[in-house]
Amino acid sequence: LDCGGLPESRAGTMPGAGVGLDIDVTGKPIAVNLFFEYYRKSGEKIIPVGFRLLGKFPIIKGKTSLYLGAGGGVGYTTPPTGQADRTPITKSLASGVIGLSTKAGEKAGFFIETAFHRILISQATTDIALRAGLNFHVKGK
């Protein structure tokens, strides 16, 4: 489980926050990442919700890992205040991520990552976010 502890940004201009859940595949260096994010500035909103398949690559065994992943989901967006057409859009999106995760103990750690989202419509832009935050580790039975 991770919580964005620092503001996220879209092209350095749009603050936001997010939460994700990584479900590790037992005995494999892969995980399924479920995510929800929220960005807002000047009346414009971007809300991506989805999943990614992550590959995890240990850098320091049991402590630090590089991860990368790709997936999809749904994106909701509203244009900025002052734009003539402020019709909200909800469409499919493509998503990717690359980052580093470090354990600070058995139950917590931190991460830094770069992610992208692209809502699948004509003339769409790719939104890039630089994020950092906390990881909380929960072990199943």
Protein backbone atom coordinates (compact mmCIF):
# COMPACT_ATOMS: atom_id res chain seq x y z
CA LEU A 1 0.00 0.00 0.00
CA ASP A 2 1.44 3.40 -0.85
CA CYS A 3 0.34 6.94 -0.20
CA GLY A 4 1.76 9.87 -2.13
CA GLY A 5 3.39 11.88 0.62
CA LEU A 6 4.54 14.76 -1.56
CA PRO A 7 2.50 16.70 -4.10
CA GLU A 8 2.33 15.12 -7.52
CA SER A 9 2.51 17.27 -10.63
CA ARG A 10 1.51 17.25 -14.25
CA ALA A 11 4.23 18.93 -16.30
CA GLY A 12 5.27 20.64 -13.08
CA THR A 13 2.02 22.56 -12.86
CA MET A 14 -0.78 20.47 -11.37
CA PRO A 15 -0.69 19.34 -7.72
CA GLY A 16 -2.42 16.16 -6.70
CA ALA A 17 -2.34 13.04 -4.59
CA GLY A 18 -2.83 9.35 -5.02
CA VAL A 19 -3.04 5.99 -3.38
CA GLY A 20 -2.04 2.59 -4.71
CA LEU A 21 -2.06 -1.04 -3.69
CA ASP A 22 0.58 -3.52 -4.89
CA ILE A 23 -0.45 -7.16 -4.75
CA ASP A 24 2.70 -9.30 -4.97
CA VAL A 25 2.61 -12.60 -6.81
CA THR A 26 4.04 -15.11 -4.31
CA GLY A 27 7.51 -16.31 -5.27
CA LYS A 28 7.71 -14.08 -8.37
CA PRO A 29 9.29 -10.64 -8.93
CA ILE A 30 5.98 -9.25 -10.20
CA ALA A 31 3.00 -7.47 -8.71
CA VAL A 32 -0.36 -6.05 -9.75
CA ASN A 33 -0.62 -2.35 -8.89
CA LEU A 34 -4.08 -0.80 -8.42
CA PHE A 35 -4.11 3.02 -8.34
CA PHE A 36 -6.33 6.06 -7.84
CA GLU A 37 -4.98 9.59 -8.38
CA TYR A 38 -6.48 13.07 -8.25
CA TYR A 39 -5.01 16.26 -9.78
CA ARG A 40 -6.60 19.72 -9.78
CA LYS A 41 -5.67 23.27 -10.76
CA SER A 42 -7.70 26.25 -12.01
CA GLY A 43 -10.86 24.19 -12.27
CA GLU A 44 -9.18 21.49 -14.36
CA LYS A 45 -9.31 17.97 -12.92
CA ILE A 46 -7.60 14.77 -13.97
CA ILE A 47 -8.59 11.56 -12.20
CA PRO A 48 -6.87 8.38 -13.43
CA VAL A 49 -7.98 5.03 -11.96
CA GLY A 50 -6.55 1.72 -13.07
CA PHE A 51 -4.04 -1.10 -12.80
CA ARG A 52 -0.50 -1.89 -13.88
CA LEU A 53 1.51 -5.10 -14.06
CA LEU A 54 4.86 -4.39 -12.35
CA GLY A 55 8.21 -6.08 -12.72
CA LYS A 56 10.42 -5.70 -9.63
CA PHE A 57 14.21 -5.87 -9.84
CA PRO A 58 16.23 -5.97 -6.59
CA ILE A 59 19.13 -3.51 -6.37
CA ILE A 60 19.96 -4.18 -2.71
CA LYS A 61 18.52 -7.59 -1.77
CA GLY A 62 15.57 -7.28 0.60
CA LYS A 63 15.93 -3.49 0.82
CA THR A 64 15.75 -1.54 -2.46
CA SER A 65 14.09 -2.42 -5.77
CA LEU A 66 13.70 -0.85 -9.17
CA TYR A 67 10.24 -1.40 -10.62
CA LEU A 68 8.57 -0.71 -13.93
CA GLY A 69 5.15 -1.43 -15.23
CA ALA A 70 2.42 -0.78 -17.73
CA GLY A 71 -1.35 -1.06 -17.69
CA GLY A 72 -4.57 0.75 -18.26
CA GLY A 73 -7.72 2.05 -16.71
CA VAL A 74 -10.17 4.92 -16.93
CA GLY A 75 -9.40 8.63 -16.97
CA TYR A 76 -11.81 11.42 -16.05
CA THR A 77 -10.90 14.98 -16.97
CA THR A 78 -12.52 18.41 -17.02
CA PRO A 79 -11.05 21.33 -18.97
CA PRO A 80 -9.75 24.42 -17.09
CA THR A 81 -12.06 27.22 -15.95
CA GLY A 82 -12.53 29.77 -18.72
CA GLN A 83 -12.43 27.28 -21.57
CA ALA A 84 -15.52 27.48 -23.81
CA ASP A 85 -16.28 23.75 -23.75
CA ARG A 86 -16.02 22.41 -20.19
CA THR A 87 -17.66 19.08 -20.95
CA PRO A 88 -16.08 16.37 -18.78
CA ILE A 89 -14.52 13.38 -20.55
CA THR A 90 -14.34 9.81 -19.23
CA LYS A 91 -12.34 7.45 -21.45
CA SER A 92 -9.90 4.55 -21.37
CA LEU A 93 -6.29 5.37 -20.55
CA ALA A 94 -2.84 3.86 -20.94
CA SER A 95 -0.48 4.09 -17.99
CA GLY A 96 3.16 3.34 -17.21
CA VAL A 97 5.54 3.74 -14.28
CA ILE A 98 9.22 3.43 -13.35
CA GLY A 99 10.51 3.92 -9.82
CA LEU A 100 12.61 2.97 -6.82
CA SER A 101 11.23 1.54 -3.59
CA THR A 102 13.24 1.24 -0.36
CA LYS A 103 12.28 -0.44 2.91
CA ALA A 104 12.96 1.59 6.05
CA GLY A 105 11.92 -1.32 8.28
CA GLU A 106 9.61 -4.34 8.23
CA LYS A 107 6.40 -2.29 7.99
CA ALA A 108 7.28 0.89 6.05
CA GLY A 109 9.52 2.47 3.45
CA PHE A 110 9.46 5.12 0.78
CA PHE A 111 9.39 5.42 -3.00
CA ILE A 112 10.12 7.84 -5.80
CA GLU A 113 8.69 7.29 -9.28
CA THR A 114 7.77 8.77 -12.61
CA ALA A 115 4.44 7.77 -14.09
CA PHE A 116 2.56 8.65 -17.23
CA HIS A 117 -1.11 8.57 -18.20
CA ARG A 118 -2.61 9.14 -21.63
CA ILE A 119 -6.38 9.27 -22.03
CA LEU A 120 -7.18 7.52 -25.30
CA ILE A 121 -8.83 10.33 -27.27
CA SER A 122 -7.69 12.24 -30.34
CA GLN A 123 -5.36 15.18 -29.63
CA ALA A 124 -4.68 13.89 -26.11
CA THR A 125 -1.54 14.83 -24.25
CA THR A 126 0.55 12.50 -22.14
CA ASP A 127 0.44 13.55 -18.48
CA ILE A 128 3.71 12.91 -16.63
CA ALA A 129 3.92 12.86 -12.83
CA LEU A 130 6.94 12.80 -10.54
CA ARG A 131 5.89 11.35 -7.20
CA ALA A 132 7.39 10.47 -3.87
CA GLY A 133 5.75 9.02 -0.79
CA LEU A 134 5.49 6.30 1.82
CA ASN A 135 5.04 2.54 1.46
CA PHE A 136 3.30 0.46 4.12
CA HIS A 137 3.95 -3.29 4.04
CA VAL A 138 1.19 -5.71 5.00
CA LYS A 139 1.90 -9.42 4.89
CA GLY A 140 -0.82 -11.98 4.21
CA LYS A 141 -1.01 -15.43 5.75
